[in-house]
Amino acid sequence: MNGTSLQFGGTTVSPKSSMTILGGSLLANQTYQFMVRMENRRNSSNQATGYLLVQVVDTHPQMIVMG
């Protein structure tokens, strides 16, 4: 499997974080897997890991579907 690692640390001021994927960054007719790893800032031994599959389909009109 060919993969690229991306690390996003968020901010230290806000407990909320987000990641933006810019248009054109992902190729059509491909499926991407993102691994999300969360760590409690007060107790680093408290961690959770999850996975997100993103399937890019070329549609008209353009839409984003989450399920």
PDB file of N, CA and C in Angstrom:
ATOM      1  N   MET A   1       0.841  -1.182   0.000  1.00  0.00           N
ATOM      2  CA  MET A   1       0.000   0.000   0.000  1.00  0.00           C
ATOM      3  C   MET A   1       0.884   1.241   0.000  1.00  0.00           C
ATOM      4  N   ASN A   2       0.580   2.172  -0.865  1.00  0.00           N
ATOM      5  CA  ASN A   2       1.341   3.405  -0.963  1.00  0.00           C
ATOM      6  C   ASN A   2       0.611   4.485  -0.176  1.00  0.00           C
ATOM      7  N   GLY A   3       1.258   5.093   0.799  1.00  0.00           N
ATOM      8  CA  GLY A   3       0.583   6.079   1.627  1.00  0.00           C
ATOM      9  C   GLY A   3       1.469   7.261   1.938  1.00  0.00           C
ATOM     10  N   THR A   4       0.836   8.339   2.299  1.00  0.00           N
ATOM     11  CA  THR A   4       1.536   9.550   2.703  1.00  0.00           C
ATOM     12  C   THR A   4       1.048   9.923   4.087  1.00  0.00           C
ATOM     13  N   SER A   5       1.951  10.259   4.968  1.00  0.00           N
ATOM     14  CA  SER A   5       1.587  10.636   6.326  1.00  0.00           C
ATOM     15  C   SER A   5       1.369  12.134   6.405  1.00  0.00           C
ATOM     16  N   LEU A   6       0.253  12.528   7.020  1.00  0.00           N
ATOM     17  CA  LEU A   6      -0.060  13.937   7.244  1.00  0.00           C
ATOM     18  C   LEU A   6      -0.369  14.084   8.711  1.00  0.00           C
ATOM     19  N   GLN A   7       0.294  14.996   9.376  1.00  0.00           N
ATOM     20  CA  GLN A   7       0.059  15.213  10.795  1.00  0.00           C
ATOM     21  C   GLN A   7      -0.507  16.603  10.997  1.00  0.00           C
ATOM     22  N   PHE A   8      -1.624  16.668  11.732  1.00  0.00           N
ATOM     23  CA  PHE A   8      -2.234  17.954  12.045  1.00  0.00           C
ATOM     24  C   PHE A   8      -2.330  18.053  13.547  1.00  0.00           C
ATOM     25  N   GLY A   9      -1.725  19.064  14.124  1.00  0.00           N
ATOM     26  CA  GLY A   9      -1.699  19.201  15.570  1.00  0.00           C
ATOM     27  C   GLY A   9      -2.789  20.078  16.141  1.00  0.00           C
ATOM     28  N   GLY A  10      -3.540  20.776  15.288  1.00  0.00           N
ATOM     29  CA  GLY A  10      -4.594  21.654  15.800  1.00  0.00           C
ATOM     30  C   GLY A  10      -3.985  22.846  16.519  1.00  0.00           C
ATOM     31  N   THR A  11      -4.770  23.430  17.395  1.00  0.00           N
ATOM     32  CA  THR A  11      -4.289  24.581  18.146  1.00  0.00           C
ATOM     33  C   THR A  11      -4.301  24.266  19.632  1.00  0.00           C
ATOM     34  N   THR A  12      -3.519  24.975  20.379  1.00  0.00           N
ATOM     35  CA  THR A  12      -3.499  24.759  21.819  1.00  0.00           C
ATOM     36  C   THR A  12      -4.536  25.622  22.525  1.00  0.00           C
ATOM     37  N   VAL A  13      -5.114  26.592  21.824  1.00  0.00           N
ATOM     38  CA  VAL A  13      -6.086  27.501  22.432  1.00  0.00           C
ATOM     39  C   VAL A  13      -7.483  26.886  22.436  1.00  0.00           C
ATOM     40  N   SER A  14      -7.843  26.206  21.357  1.00  0.00           N
ATOM     41  CA  SER A  14      -9.192  25.660  21.202  1.00  0.00           C
ATOM     42  C   SER A  14      -9.162  24.140  21.270  1.00  0.00           C
ATOM     43  N   PRO A  15     -10.138  23.528  21.924  1.00  0.00           N
ATOM     44  CA  PRO A  15     -10.188  22.064  21.958  1.00  0.00           C
ATOM     45  C   PRO A  15     -10.688  21.477  20.641  1.00  0.00           C
ATOM     46  N   LYS A  16     -11.172  22.310  19.738  1.00  0.00           N
ATOM     47  CA  LYS A  16     -11.688  21.826  18.468  1.00  0.00           C
ATOM     48  C   LYS A  16     -10.602  21.937  17.400  1.00  0.00           C
ATOM     49  N   SER A  17     -10.573  20.953  16.508  1.00  0.00           N
ATOM     50  CA  SER A  17      -9.612  20.960  15.406  1.00  0.00           C
ATOM     51  C   SER A  17     -10.347  20.613  14.126  1.00  0.00           C
ATOM     52  N   SER A  18      -9.777  21.009  13.013  1.00  0.00           N
ATOM     53  CA  SER A  18     -10.348  20.656  11.725  1.00  0.00           C
ATOM     54  C   SER A  18      -9.238  20.542  10.695  1.00  0.00           C
ATOM     55  N   MET A  19      -9.552  19.865   9.609  1.00  0.00           N
ATOM     56  CA  MET A  19      -8.614  19.739   8.512  1.00  0.00           C
ATOM     57  C   MET A  19      -9.383  20.061   7.239  1.00  0.00           C
ATOM     58  N   THR A  20      -8.806  20.838   6.364  1.00  0.00           N
ATOM     59  CA  THR A  20      -9.431  21.196   5.101  1.00  0.00           C
ATOM     60  C   THR A  20      -8.697  20.493   3.971  1.00  0.00           C
ATOM     61  N   ILE A  21      -9.455  19.827   3.107  1.00  0.00           N
ATOM     62  CA  ILE A  21      -8.885  19.213   1.911  1.00  0.00           C
ATOM     63  C   ILE A  21      -9.265  20.112   0.739  1.00  0.00           C
ATOM     64  N   LEU A  22      -8.279  20.716   0.122  1.00  0.00           N
ATOM     65  CA  LEU A  22      -8.529  21.667  -0.962  1.00  0.00           C
ATOM     66  C   LEU A  22      -8.988  20.947  -2.225  1.00  0.00           C
ATOM     67  N   GLY A  23      -9.853  21.628  -2.989  1.00  0.00           N
ATOM     68  CA  GLY A  23     -10.341  21.076  -4.246  1.00  0.00           C
ATOM     69  C   GLY A  23      -9.179  20.733  -5.165  1.00  0.00           C
ATOM     70  N   GLY A  24      -9.262  19.602  -5.817  1.00  0.00           N
ATOM     71  CA  GLY A  24      -8.206  19.165  -6.722  1.00  0.00           C
ATOM     72  C   GLY A  24      -7.105  18.381  -6.040  1.00  0.00           C
ATOM     73  N   SER A  25      -7.150  18.258  -4.712  1.00  0.00           N
ATOM     74  CA  SER A  25      -6.113  17.535  -3.987  1.00  0.00           C
ATOM     75  C   SER A  25      -6.282  16.022  -4.098  1.00  0.00           C
ATOM     76  N   LEU A  26      -7.538  15.564  -4.248  1.00  0.00           N
ATOM     77  CA  LEU A  26      -7.819  14.134  -4.344  1.00  0.00           C
ATOM     78  C   LEU A  26      -8.269  13.815  -5.762  1.00  0.00           C
ATOM     79  N   LEU A  27      -7.827  12.683  -6.276  1.00  0.00           N
ATOM     80  CA  LEU A  27      -8.160  12.285  -7.636  1.00  0.00           C
ATOM     81  C   LEU A  27      -9.530  11.630  -7.701  1.00  0.00           C
ATOM     82  N   ALA A  28     -10.259  11.870  -8.809  1.00  0.00           N
ATOM     83  CA  ALA A  28     -11.568  11.255  -9.011  1.00  0.00           C
ATOM     84  C   ALA A  28     -11.423   9.746  -9.170  1.00  0.00           C
ATOM     85  N   ASN A  29     -12.472   9.030  -8.798  1.00  0.00           N
ATOM     86  CA  ASN A  29     -12.547   7.567  -8.909  1.00  0.00           C
ATOM     87  C   ASN A  29     -11.481   6.864  -8.076  1.00  0.00           C
ATOM     88  N   GLN A  30     -11.117   7.465  -6.958  1.00  0.00           N
ATOM     89  CA  GLN A  30     -10.160   6.871  -6.024  1.00  0.00           C
ATOM     90  C   GLN A  30     -10.786   6.851  -4.638  1.00  0.00           C
ATOM     91  N   THR A  31     -10.328   5.936  -3.807  1.00  0.00           N
ATOM     92  CA  THR A  31     -10.754   5.882  -2.413  1.00  0.00           C
ATOM     93  C   THR A  31      -9.531   6.133  -1.539  1.00  0.00           C
ATOM     94  N   TYR A  32      -9.684   7.008  -0.579  1.00  0.00           N
ATOM     95  CA  TYR A  32      -8.596   7.372   0.330  1.00  0.00           C
ATOM     96  C   TYR A  32      -8.977   6.969   1.739  1.00  0.00           C
ATOM     97  N   GLN A  33      -8.002   6.508   2.484  1.00  0.00           N
ATOM     98  CA  GLN A  33      -8.222   6.147   3.887  1.00  0.00           C
ATOM     99  C   GLN A  33      -7.423   7.099   4.761  1.00  0.00           C
ATOM    100  N   PHE A  34      -8.112   7.704   5.725  1.00  0.00           N
ATOM    101  CA  PHE A  34      -7.467   8.590   6.687  1.00  0.00           C
ATOM    102  C   PHE A  34      -7.522   7.922   8.051  1.00  0.00           C
ATOM    103  N   MET A  35      -6.410   7.941   8.737  1.00  0.00           N
ATOM    104  CA  MET A  35      -6.379   7.459  10.115  1.00  0.00           C
ATOM    105  C   MET A  35      -6.409   8.681  11.022  1.00  0.00           C
ATOM    106  N   VAL A  36      -7.317   8.671  11.980  1.00  0.00           N
ATOM    107  CA  VAL A  36      -7.449   9.771  12.928  1.00  0.00           C
ATOM    108  C   VAL A  36      -7.037   9.251  14.296  1.00  0.00           C
ATOM    109  N   ARG A  37      -6.037   9.886  14.880  1.00  0.00           N
ATOM    110  CA  ARG A  37      -5.577   9.492  16.211  1.00  0.00           C
ATOM    111  C   ARG A  37      -5.727  10.692  17.128  1.00  0.00           C
ATOM    112  N   MET A  38      -6.468  10.484  18.215  1.00  0.00           N
ATOM    113  CA  MET A  38      -6.710  11.561  19.175  1.00  0.00           C
ATOM    114  C   MET A  38      -6.030  11.222  20.491  1.00  0.00           C
ATOM    115  N   GLU A  39      -5.527  12.251  21.134  1.00  0.00           N
ATOM    116  CA  GLU A  39      -4.829  12.083  22.408  1.00  0.00           C
ATOM    117  C   GLU A  39      -5.309  13.162  23.371  1.00  0.00           C
ATOM    118  N   ASN A  40      -5.615  12.746  24.574  1.00  0.00           N
ATOM    119  CA  ASN A  40      -6.041  13.686  25.606  1.00  0.00           C
ATOM    120  C   ASN A  40      -4.850  14.552  25.996  1.00  0.00           C
ATOM    121  N   ARG A  41      -5.044  15.876  25.979  1.00  0.00           N
ATOM    122  CA  ARG A  41      -3.927  16.782  26.294  1.00  0.00           C
ATOM    123  C   ARG A  41      -3.504  16.699  27.747  1.00  0.00           C
ATOM    124  N   ARG A  42      -4.421  16.362  28.622  1.00  0.00           N
ATOM    125  CA  ARG A  42      -4.072  16.283  30.050  1.00  0.00           C
ATOM    126  C   ARG A  42      -3.518  14.922  30.446  1.00  0.00           C
ATOM    127  N   ASN A  43      -3.881  13.874  29.689  1.00  0.00           N
ATOM    128  CA  ASN A  43      -3.421  12.524  30.002  1.00  0.00           C
ATOM    129  C   ASN A  43      -3.101  11.836  28.680  1.00  0.00           C
ATOM    130  N   SER A  44      -1.832  11.888  28.275  1.00  0.00           N
ATOM    131  CA  SER A  44      -1.446  11.378  26.960  1.00  0.00           C
ATOM    132  C   SER A  44      -1.610   9.865  26.832  1.00  0.00           C
ATOM    133  N   SER A  45      -1.806   9.154  27.931  1.00  0.00           N
ATOM    134  CA  SER A  45      -2.042   7.712  27.831  1.00  0.00           C
ATOM    135  C   SER A  45      -3.487   7.414  27.430  1.00  0.00           C
ATOM    136  N   ASN A  46      -4.360   8.410  27.453  1.00  0.00           N
ATOM    137  CA  ASN A  46      -5.751   8.259  27.031  1.00  0.00           C
ATOM    138  C   ASN A  46      -5.835   8.626  25.548  1.00  0.00           C
ATOM    139  N   GLN A  47      -5.905   7.599  24.676  1.00  0.00           N
ATOM    140  CA  GLN A  47      -5.866   7.812  23.234  1.00  0.00           C
ATOM    141  C   GLN A  47      -6.993   7.051  22.552  1.00  0.00           C
ATOM    142  N   ALA A  48      -7.365   7.497  21.367  1.00  0.00           N
ATOM    143  CA  ALA A  48      -8.354   6.810  20.537  1.00  0.00           C
ATOM    144  C   ALA A  48      -7.906   6.907  19.083  1.00  0.00           C
ATOM    145  N   THR A  49      -8.171   5.860  18.313  1.00  0.00           N
ATOM    146  CA  THR A  49      -7.825   5.828  16.895  1.00  0.00           C
ATOM    147  C   THR A  49      -9.055   5.431  16.099  1.00  0.00           C
ATOM    148  N   GLY A  50      -9.287   6.095  14.984  1.00  0.00           N
ATOM    149  CA  GLY A  50     -10.391   5.758  14.096  1.00  0.00           C
ATOM    150  C   GLY A  50      -9.956   5.906  12.653  1.00  0.00           C
ATOM    151  N   TYR A  51     -10.761   5.378  11.757  1.00  0.00           N
ATOM    152  CA  TYR A  51     -10.433   5.418  10.331  1.00  0.00           C
ATOM    153  C   TYR A  51     -11.599   6.012   9.550  1.00  0.00           C
ATOM    154  N   LEU A  52     -11.283   6.748   8.510  1.00  0.00           N
ATOM    155  CA  LEU A  52     -12.279   7.380   7.660  1.00  0.00           C
ATOM    156  C   LEU A  52     -11.947   7.036   6.212  1.00  0.00           C
ATOM    157  N   LEU A  53     -12.931   6.473   5.494  1.00  0.00           N
ATOM    158  CA  LEU A  53     -12.763   6.206   4.071  1.00  0.00           C
ATOM    159  C   LEU A  53     -13.442   7.315   3.287  1.00  0.00           C
ATOM    160  N   VAL A  54     -12.728   7.871   2.313  1.00  0.00           N
ATOM    161  CA  VAL A  54     -13.263   8.922   1.453  1.00  0.00           C
ATOM    162  C   VAL A  54     -13.212   8.409   0.023  1.00  0.00           C
ATOM    163  N   GLN A  55     -14.381   8.283  -0.597  1.00  0.00           N
ATOM    164  CA  GLN A  55     -14.451   7.865  -1.992  1.00  0.00           C
ATOM    165  C   GLN A  55     -14.768   9.088  -2.839  1.00  0.00           C
ATOM    166  N   VAL A  56     -13.920   9.361  -3.818  1.00  0.00           N
ATOM    167  CA  VAL A  56     -14.077  10.528  -4.674  1.00  0.00           C
ATOM    168  C   VAL A  56     -14.733  10.069  -5.977  1.00  0.00           C
ATOM    169  N   VAL A  57     -15.915  10.611  -6.252  1.00  0.00           N
ATOM    170  CA  VAL A  57     -16.673  10.257  -7.449  1.00  0.00           C
ATOM    171  C   VAL A  57     -16.952  11.542  -8.220  1.00  0.00           C
ATOM    172  N   ASP A  58     -16.712  11.521  -9.513  1.00  0.00           N
ATOM    173  CA  ASP A  58     -16.944  12.690 -10.356  1.00  0.00           C
ATOM    174  C   ASP A  58     -18.437  12.779 -10.663  1.00  0.00           C
ATOM    175  N   THR A  59     -19.140  13.744 -10.043  1.00  0.00           N
ATOM    176  CA  THR A  59     -20.585  13.902 -10.238  1.00  0.00           C
ATOM    177  C   THR A  59     -20.904  15.330 -10.664  1.00  0.00           C
ATOM    178  N   HIS A  60     -22.034  15.475 -11.312  1.00  0.00           N
ATOM    179  CA  HIS A  60     -22.526  16.798 -11.695  1.00  0.00           C
ATOM    180  C   HIS A  60     -23.988  16.869 -11.305  1.00  0.00           C
ATOM    181  N   PRO A  61     -24.499  17.791 -10.525  1.00  0.00           N
ATOM    182  CA  PRO A  61     -23.719  18.870  -9.902  1.00  0.00           C
ATOM    183  C   PRO A  61     -22.810  18.320  -8.819  1.00  0.00           C
ATOM    184  N   GLN A  62     -21.824  19.111  -8.452  1.00  0.00           N
ATOM    185  CA  GLN A  62     -20.881  18.671  -7.438  1.00  0.00           C
ATOM    186  C   GLN A  62     -21.553  18.670  -6.081  1.00  0.00           C
ATOM    187  N   MET A  63     -21.272  17.620  -5.292  1.00  0.00           N
ATOM    188  CA  MET A  63     -21.866  17.509  -3.971  1.00  0.00           C
ATOM    189  C   MET A  63     -20.923  16.761  -3.042  1.00  0.00           C
ATOM    190  N   ILE A  64     -21.162  16.915  -1.762  1.00  0.00           N
ATOM    191  CA  ILE A  64     -20.427  16.184  -0.739  1.00  0.00           C
ATOM    192  C   ILE A  64     -21.439  15.352   0.023  1.00  0.00           C
ATOM    193  N   VAL A  65     -21.199  14.037   0.106  1.00  0.00           N
ATOM    194  CA  VAL A  65     -22.100  13.127   0.797  1.00  0.00           C
ATOM    195  C   VAL A  65     -21.327  12.457   1.919  1.00  0.00           C
ATOM    196  N   MET A  66     -21.907  12.463   3.110  1.00  0.00           N
ATOM    197  CA  MET A  66     -21.288  11.791   4.250  1.00  0.00           C
ATOM    198  C   MET A  66     -22.261  10.754   4.771  1.00  0.00           C
ATOM    199  N   GLY A  67     -21.742   9.598   5.121  1.00  0.00           N
ATOM    200  CA  GLY A  67     -22.637   8.568   5.630  1.00  0.00           C
ATOM    201  C   GLY A  67     -21.935   7.604   6.524  1.00  0.00           C
TER     202      GLY A  67
END
